[in-house]
Amino acid sequence: MAPADRAPDDEDVDGKTMPLLEHLVELRNRLLWAVVFFLVAFFACFHFSEHIYNFLVQPLAVIMERVGGSQRMIYTALTEAFFTYVKVAAFGACVLSFPLFAAQLWMFIAPGLYRNEKRAFLPFLFISPVLFVMGAAMVYYLVMPMAWEFLLGFQTTKAETVLPIQLEAKVGEYLGLVMKLILAFGFSFQMPVVLTLMARSGLVRAKSLAGARKYAIVGVFVAAAVITPPDVISQVLLALPMLVLYEISIIAARMVEKSRGEEEDEDLDDDADEAGPGEGGTGDDSKPPSAEAIATSDSPVKEDGYEDDDGDGGVSETDWNQTK
């Protein structure tokens, strides 16, 4: 039997029902806990904002030391440095609070899910943070060093040009770009999670994803060009993993469709077993009438083989015309 048609029991969902007001109160409590987690993480990250700043600026410092440059950061607005630390603290709070946000969301929706639905959704709560960390690590350790070295290669000395070209990076612009890249790569790596959940709910199919592969390639490269700095290296380094993740999503969608088909077959078998006689099964109530029942029916039959339409044993007008 399909999950929507089953009566809730102790094994699947909570037996009690909650009115709308209690659902809103529960949602409010979960949001309050999420806000508290974020505020605590924000103040903790603001206390260590200089350490976070050193961590984020380290790739640029290493490349500047290798290829040359001013090897400093500047700010041109009086409040720019302060708000840069605020942005760094907010960024760190978002990263640290993400698992807690996901846990609060799960605790809100889990009581309304069946046991098989919990088994289907629970692994994604662990896979999603792992994919986010993989995307952030890739952009920090691979993409940014290569991109910064390429972009710093356009610096010149006084011997090469009349006036030398040196990078004077603004601290707010640089950290804004770094945080944008980390979040972009982290959320881009969530593609298998999103597409697999959509396949689980029946919104997409593996066949349609495979058929739209050429459009996905174009869309991935366009998105990578918009997200990354204006250089080919970072664009390609984002597009290639996204294409690999798209192929992984197709494989995962096929596995989900196969498992969902097996569950539907089991539900149909359960329906057939529970139907029994008289409910579309193969009981005695569905057998055709016997010949004796037909012979003893109340419909009068004339000796010449014609049935009396009036049922009174007389001769109808059509029979009289045929005998004339």
Protein backbone atom coordinates (compact mmCIF):
# COMPACT_ATOMS: atom_id res chain seq x y z
CA MET A 1 0.00 0.00 0.00
CA ALA A 2 1.31 3.46 -0.83
CA PRO A 3 2.62 5.54 2.05
CA ALA A 4 -0.08 8.17 1.55
CA ASP A 5 -2.80 5.56 2.00
CA ARG A 6 -1.42 3.92 5.11
CA ALA A 7 -2.71 4.69 8.53
CA PRO A 8 -0.03 6.13 10.78
CA ASP A 9 1.30 3.74 13.39
CA ASP A 10 4.02 3.66 15.98
CA GLU A 11 6.59 2.36 13.50
CA ASP A 12 6.12 5.11 10.92
CA VAL A 13 4.92 8.42 12.30
CA ASP A 14 3.83 9.78 15.63
CA GLY A 15 0.30 8.73 16.46
CA LYS A 16 -0.75 12.19 17.64
CA THR A 17 -1.85 14.96 15.32
CA MET A 18 -0.92 18.61 15.83
CA PRO A 19 -3.10 21.60 14.92
CA LEU A 20 -1.73 24.40 12.78
CA LEU A 21 -0.99 26.64 15.77
CA GLU A 22 1.22 24.02 17.40
CA HIS A 23 3.10 23.55 14.11
CA LEU A 24 3.75 27.29 13.99
CA VAL A 25 4.94 27.27 17.60
CA GLU A 26 7.27 24.36 16.82
CA LEU A 27 8.61 26.19 13.77
CA ARG A 28 9.18 29.32 15.85
CA ASN A 29 11.14 27.35 18.44
CA ARG A 30 13.34 25.78 15.78
CA LEU A 31 14.02 29.18 14.19
CA LEU A 32 14.87 30.66 17.58
CA TRP A 33 17.39 27.89 18.23
CA ALA A 34 18.91 28.48 14.79
CA VAL A 35 19.22 32.23 15.45
CA VAL A 36 20.81 31.56 18.85
CA PHE A 37 23.33 29.20 17.24
CA PHE A 38 24.16 31.80 14.60
CA LEU A 39 24.63 34.63 17.13
CA VAL A 40 26.89 32.53 19.35
CA ALA A 41 28.94 31.46 16.32
CA PHE A 42 29.07 35.08 15.07
CA PHE A 43 30.52 36.50 18.28
CA ALA A 44 32.95 33.60 18.54
CA CYS A 45 34.11 34.15 14.95
CA PHE A 46 34.34 37.92 15.49
CA HIS A 47 36.67 37.25 18.41
CA PHE A 48 38.87 35.15 16.09
CA SER A 49 38.26 37.32 13.01
CA GLU A 50 41.96 38.12 12.58
CA HIS A 51 42.81 34.43 12.46
CA ILE A 52 40.05 33.84 9.89
CA TYR A 53 41.35 36.83 7.91
CA ASN A 54 44.88 35.37 7.92
CA PHE A 55 43.51 32.04 6.73
CA LEU A 56 41.56 33.59 3.85
CA VAL A 57 44.39 35.88 2.71
CA GLN A 58 47.08 33.17 2.89
CA PRO A 59 46.81 32.03 -0.79
CA LEU A 60 47.31 35.60 -2.05
CA ALA A 61 50.23 36.21 0.34
CA VAL A 62 52.02 33.07 -0.90
CA ILE A 63 51.60 34.02 -4.57
CA MET A 64 52.68 37.62 -3.92
CA GLU A 65 55.82 36.40 -2.21
CA ARG A 66 56.60 34.21 -5.22
CA VAL A 67 55.84 36.55 -8.14
CA GLY A 68 56.34 39.87 -6.37
CA GLY A 69 54.02 42.73 -5.56
CA SER A 70 53.15 45.17 -2.83
CA GLN A 71 52.49 42.34 -0.34
CA ARG A 72 49.97 44.37 1.62
CA MET A 73 46.24 45.06 1.76
CA ILE A 74 44.70 48.53 1.83
CA TYR A 75 41.35 50.07 2.65
CA THR A 76 40.12 53.42 1.32
CA ALA A 77 37.02 53.97 3.46
CA LEU A 78 37.19 54.78 7.15
CA THR A 79 34.81 51.97 8.17
CA GLU A 80 35.91 49.44 5.54
CA ALA A 81 38.27 47.48 7.79
CA PHE A 82 35.71 47.18 10.60
CA PHE A 83 32.90 45.99 8.33
CA THR A 84 35.34 43.60 6.67
CA TYR A 85 35.85 41.88 10.01
CA VAL A 86 32.08 41.84 10.51
CA LYS A 87 31.64 40.13 7.12
CA VAL A 88 34.36 37.63 7.99
CA ALA A 89 32.62 36.83 11.29
CA ALA A 90 29.26 36.42 9.55
CA PHE A 91 30.84 34.15 6.95
CA GLY A 92 32.41 31.96 9.62
CA ALA A 93 29.13 31.85 11.55
CA CYS A 94 27.24 30.67 8.47
CA VAL A 95 29.74 27.88 7.87
CA LEU A 96 29.74 26.74 11.50
CA SER A 97 25.97 27.00 11.91
CA PHE A 98 25.05 25.13 8.73
CA PRO A 99 25.04 21.64 10.37
CA LEU A 100 22.95 23.00 13.24
CA PHE A 101 20.49 24.60 10.80
CA ALA A 102 20.17 21.28 9.00
CA ALA A 103 19.63 19.45 12.31
CA GLN A 104 16.87 21.85 13.37
CA LEU A 105 15.18 21.49 9.98
CA TRP A 106 15.33 17.71 10.26
CA MET A 107 13.91 17.74 13.80
CA PHE A 108 10.98 19.81 12.52
CA ILE A 109 10.02 17.65 9.54
CA ALA A 110 11.07 14.19 10.78
CA PRO A 111 7.96 13.52 12.97
CA GLY A 112 5.75 13.82 9.87
CA LEU A 113 7.73 11.34 7.76
CA TYR A 114 7.26 7.61 7.39
CA ARG A 115 10.06 5.27 8.30
CA ASN A 116 11.06 4.59 4.69
CA GLU A 117 11.03 8.34 3.98
CA LYS A 118 13.35 8.92 6.94
CA ARG A 119 15.72 6.29 5.59
CA ALA A 120 15.65 8.03 2.21
CA PHE A 121 16.29 11.59 3.44
CA LEU A 122 18.61 11.02 6.41
CA PRO A 123 21.77 10.17 4.40
CA PHE A 124 21.58 13.51 2.60
CA LEU A 125 21.97 15.35 5.92
CA PHE A 126 25.45 13.83 6.18
CA ILE A 127 26.38 13.95 2.50
CA SER A 128 25.47 17.63 2.03
CA PRO A 129 28.04 19.07 4.52
CA VAL A 130 30.71 16.74 3.15
CA LEU A 131 30.10 17.97 -0.41
CA PHE A 132 30.14 21.59 0.78
CA VAL A 133 33.52 21.10 2.48
CA MET A 134 34.87 19.38 -0.64
CA GLY A 135 33.85 22.35 -2.81
CA ALA A 136 35.31 24.88 -0.36
CA ALA A 137 38.57 22.92 -0.08
CA MET A 138 38.88 22.69 -3.84
CA VAL A 139 38.53 26.44 -4.39
CA TYR A 140 40.90 27.27 -1.52
CA TYR A 141 43.71 24.81 -2.23
CA LEU A 142 43.48 24.48 -6.03
CA VAL A 143 41.49 27.20 -7.76
CA MET A 144 42.60 30.32 -5.88
CA PRO A 145 46.38 29.69 -6.08
CA MET A 146 46.20 29.07 -9.83
CA ALA A 147 43.86 32.00 -10.47
CA TRP A 148 45.85 34.45 -8.33
CA GLU A 149 49.12 33.48 -10.00
CA PHE A 150 47.56 34.01 -13.41
CA LEU A 151 46.08 37.42 -12.50
CA LEU A 152 49.22 38.66 -10.73
CA GLY A 153 51.17 37.86 -13.88
CA PHE A 154 49.88 41.11 -15.38
CA GLN A 155 52.01 43.19 -13.00
CA THR A 156 54.92 45.05 -14.59
CA THR A 157 58.07 46.74 -13.38
CA LYS A 158 59.44 50.16 -14.30
CA ALA A 159 61.78 48.51 -16.78
CA GLU A 160 58.87 46.98 -18.66
CA THR A 161 56.45 49.92 -18.75
CA VAL A 162 56.78 53.65 -18.30
CA LEU A 163 54.84 53.39 -15.06
CA PRO A 164 54.89 50.07 -13.19
CA ILE A 165 51.64 48.20 -12.64
CA GLN A 166 51.36 46.86 -9.12
CA LEU A 167 48.45 45.31 -7.28
CA GLU A 168 47.09 47.32 -4.36
CA ALA A 169 44.31 44.99 -3.24
CA LYS A 170 41.51 46.40 -1.12
CA VAL A 171 40.84 44.20 1.86
CA GLY A 172 37.05 44.41 1.50
CA GLU A 173 37.01 43.55 -2.21
CA TYR A 174 39.47 40.67 -1.84
CA LEU A 175 37.72 39.00 1.09
CA GLY A 176 34.34 39.53 -0.56
CA LEU A 177 35.63 37.70 -3.66
CA VAL A 178 37.12 34.86 -1.60
CA MET A 179 33.94 34.33 0.43
CA LYS A 180 31.85 34.45 -2.75
CA LEU A 181 34.02 31.76 -4.37
CA ILE A 182 33.93 29.48 -1.32
CA LEU A 183 30.14 29.70 -1.03
CA ALA A 184 29.69 29.31 -4.80
CA PHE A 185 31.82 26.16 -4.99
CA GLY A 186 30.25 24.76 -1.82
CA PHE A 187 26.68 25.22 -3.02
CA SER A 188 27.56 24.06 -6.56
CA PHE A 189 28.70 20.77 -5.12
CA GLN A 190 25.15 20.24 -3.76
CA MET A 191 23.96 19.34 -7.28
CA PRO A 192 23.82 15.55 -6.67
CA VAL A 193 21.80 16.08 -3.49
CA VAL A 194 19.24 18.34 -5.18
CA LEU A 195 18.80 16.23 -8.32
CA THR A 196 18.63 12.96 -6.37
CA LEU A 197 15.94 14.33 -4.08
CA MET A 198 14.02 15.58 -7.12
CA ALA A 199 14.27 12.12 -8.66
CA ARG A 200 13.13 10.59 -5.37
CA SER A 201 10.01 12.77 -5.41
CA GLY A 202 9.34 12.08 -9.11
CA LEU A 203 9.99 15.63 -10.35
CA VAL A 204 12.78 14.51 -12.71
CA ARG A 205 13.84 11.23 -14.26
CA ALA A 206 17.27 9.88 -15.05
CA LYS A 207 16.32 9.57 -18.72
CA SER A 208 15.38 13.26 -18.93
CA LEU A 209 18.61 14.27 -17.18
CA ALA A 210 20.65 12.20 -19.62
CA GLY A 211 18.74 13.67 -22.56
CA ALA A 212 19.42 17.23 -21.35
CA ARG A 213 23.17 16.63 -21.00
CA LYS A 214 24.15 18.98 -23.84
CA TYR A 215 22.06 21.79 -22.37
CA ALA A 216 23.55 21.10 -18.94
CA ILE A 217 27.08 21.48 -20.33
CA VAL A 218 26.26 24.90 -21.74
CA GLY A 219 24.48 25.98 -18.55
CA VAL A 220 27.36 24.82 -16.35
CA PHE A 221 29.96 26.80 -18.30
CA VAL A 222 27.74 29.89 -18.32
CA ALA A 223 27.20 29.64 -14.55
CA ALA A 224 30.93 29.12 -13.99
CA ALA A 225 31.73 32.18 -16.08
CA VAL A 226 29.33 34.30 -13.99
CA ILE A 227 30.47 33.01 -10.59
CA THR A 228 34.25 32.91 -11.04
CA PRO A 229 36.68 35.78 -11.75
CA PRO A 230 37.17 36.71 -15.41
CA ASP A 231 39.81 34.08 -16.18
CA VAL A 232 39.56 30.80 -18.01
CA ILE A 233 41.38 28.77 -15.35
CA SER A 234 38.88 29.26 -12.53
CA GLN A 235 35.95 28.89 -14.93
CA VAL A 236 37.17 25.52 -16.19
CA LEU A 237 38.10 24.33 -12.69
CA LEU A 238 34.53 24.97 -11.55
CA ALA A 239 32.80 23.67 -14.68
CA LEU A 240 34.61 20.31 -14.86
CA PRO A 241 33.69 19.14 -11.33
CA MET A 242 30.10 20.27 -11.88
CA LEU A 243 29.89 18.15 -15.03
CA VAL A 244 31.26 15.16 -13.13
CA LEU A 245 28.70 15.77 -10.38
CA TYR A 246 25.96 15.96 -13.02
CA GLU A 247 26.90 12.48 -14.28
CA ILE A 248 26.95 11.23 -10.69
CA SER A 249 23.47 12.71 -10.26
CA ILE A 250 22.21 10.72 -13.27
CA ILE A 251 23.57 7.49 -11.79
CA ALA A 252 22.07 8.30 -8.39
CA ALA A 253 18.70 9.11 -10.01
CA ARG A 254 18.69 5.70 -11.74
CA MET A 255 19.40 3.95 -8.45
CA VAL A 256 16.62 5.90 -6.74
CA GLU A 257 14.13 5.10 -9.50
CA LYS A 258 15.03 1.42 -9.28
CA SER A 259 14.55 1.32 -5.51
CA ARG A 260 11.31 3.28 -5.77
CA GLY A 261 10.00 0.82 -8.38
CA GLU A 262 10.79 -2.09 -6.08
CA GLU A 263 8.92 -0.38 -3.25
CA GLU A 264 5.90 0.19 -5.50
CA ASP A 265 5.91 -3.49 -6.51
CA GLU A 266 5.94 -4.49 -2.86
CA ASP A 267 3.02 -2.12 -2.20
CA LEU A 268 1.04 -3.68 -5.06
CA ASP A 269 1.71 -7.15 -3.66
CA ASP A 270 0.48 -6.00 -0.26
CA ASP A 271 -2.68 -4.58 -1.85
CA ALA A 272 -3.34 -7.86 -3.66
CA ASP A 273 -2.90 -9.84 -0.46
CA GLU A 274 -5.20 -7.57 1.52
CA ALA A 275 -7.89 -7.35 -1.19
CA GLY A 276 -9.33 -10.89 -0.65
CA PRO A 277 -12.58 -12.24 -2.17
CA GLY A 278 -15.10 -9.74 -3.43
CA GLU A 279 -12.57 -6.89 -3.70
CA GLY A 280 -11.13 -7.52 -7.09
CA GLY A 281 -9.43 -10.75 -6.01
CA THR A 282 -9.96 -14.28 -7.29
CA GLY A 283 -12.58 -15.36 -4.71
CA ASP A 284 -15.78 -17.29 -5.38
CA ASP A 285 -17.82 -14.10 -5.73
CA SER A 286 -16.13 -13.32 -9.02
CA LYS A 287 -16.92 -16.70 -10.74
CA PRO A 288 -19.28 -16.60 -13.77
CA PRO A 289 -22.84 -18.00 -13.37
CA SER A 290 -23.25 -21.72 -14.03
CA ALA A 291 -25.30 -23.30 -16.83
CA GLU A 292 -27.95 -24.48 -14.37
CA ALA A 293 -28.47 -20.94 -13.18
CA ILE A 294 -28.99 -19.80 -16.73
CA ALA A 295 -31.45 -22.64 -17.43
CA THR A 296 -33.54 -21.82 -14.37
CA SER A 297 -33.69 -18.10 -15.01
CA ASP A 298 -37.05 -16.33 -15.05
CA SER A 299 -36.74 -15.14 -18.66
CA PRO A 300 -39.34 -17.07 -20.69
CA VAL A 301 -38.08 -18.70 -23.87
CA LYS A 302 -40.37 -19.75 -26.66
CA GLU A 303 -40.16 -23.11 -28.31
CA ASP A 304 -38.95 -21.64 -31.61
CA GLY A 305 -35.88 -20.13 -29.87
CA TYR A 306 -37.10 -16.54 -29.67
CA GLU A 307 -37.17 -14.84 -26.29
CA ASP A 308 -40.38 -13.18 -25.28
CA ASP A 309 -39.56 -9.47 -24.93
CA ASP A 310 -42.67 -8.75 -22.88
CA GLY A 311 -42.07 -11.61 -20.44
CA ASP A 312 -45.80 -12.61 -20.44
CA GLY A 313 -45.51 -15.70 -22.66
CA GLY A 314 -47.31 -14.07 -25.59
CA VAL A 315 -46.17 -13.56 -29.13
CA SER A 316 -44.62 -10.20 -29.91
CA GLU A 317 -45.44 -8.20 -32.98
CA THR A 318 -42.03 -8.94 -34.49
CA ASP A 319 -42.52 -12.71 -34.10
CA TRP A 320 -45.97 -12.50 -35.71
CA ASN A 321 -44.56 -10.69 -38.71
CA GLN A 322 -41.84 -13.31 -39.10
CA THR A 323 -44.38 -16.20 -39.14
CA LYS A 324 -46.61 -14.59 -41.71
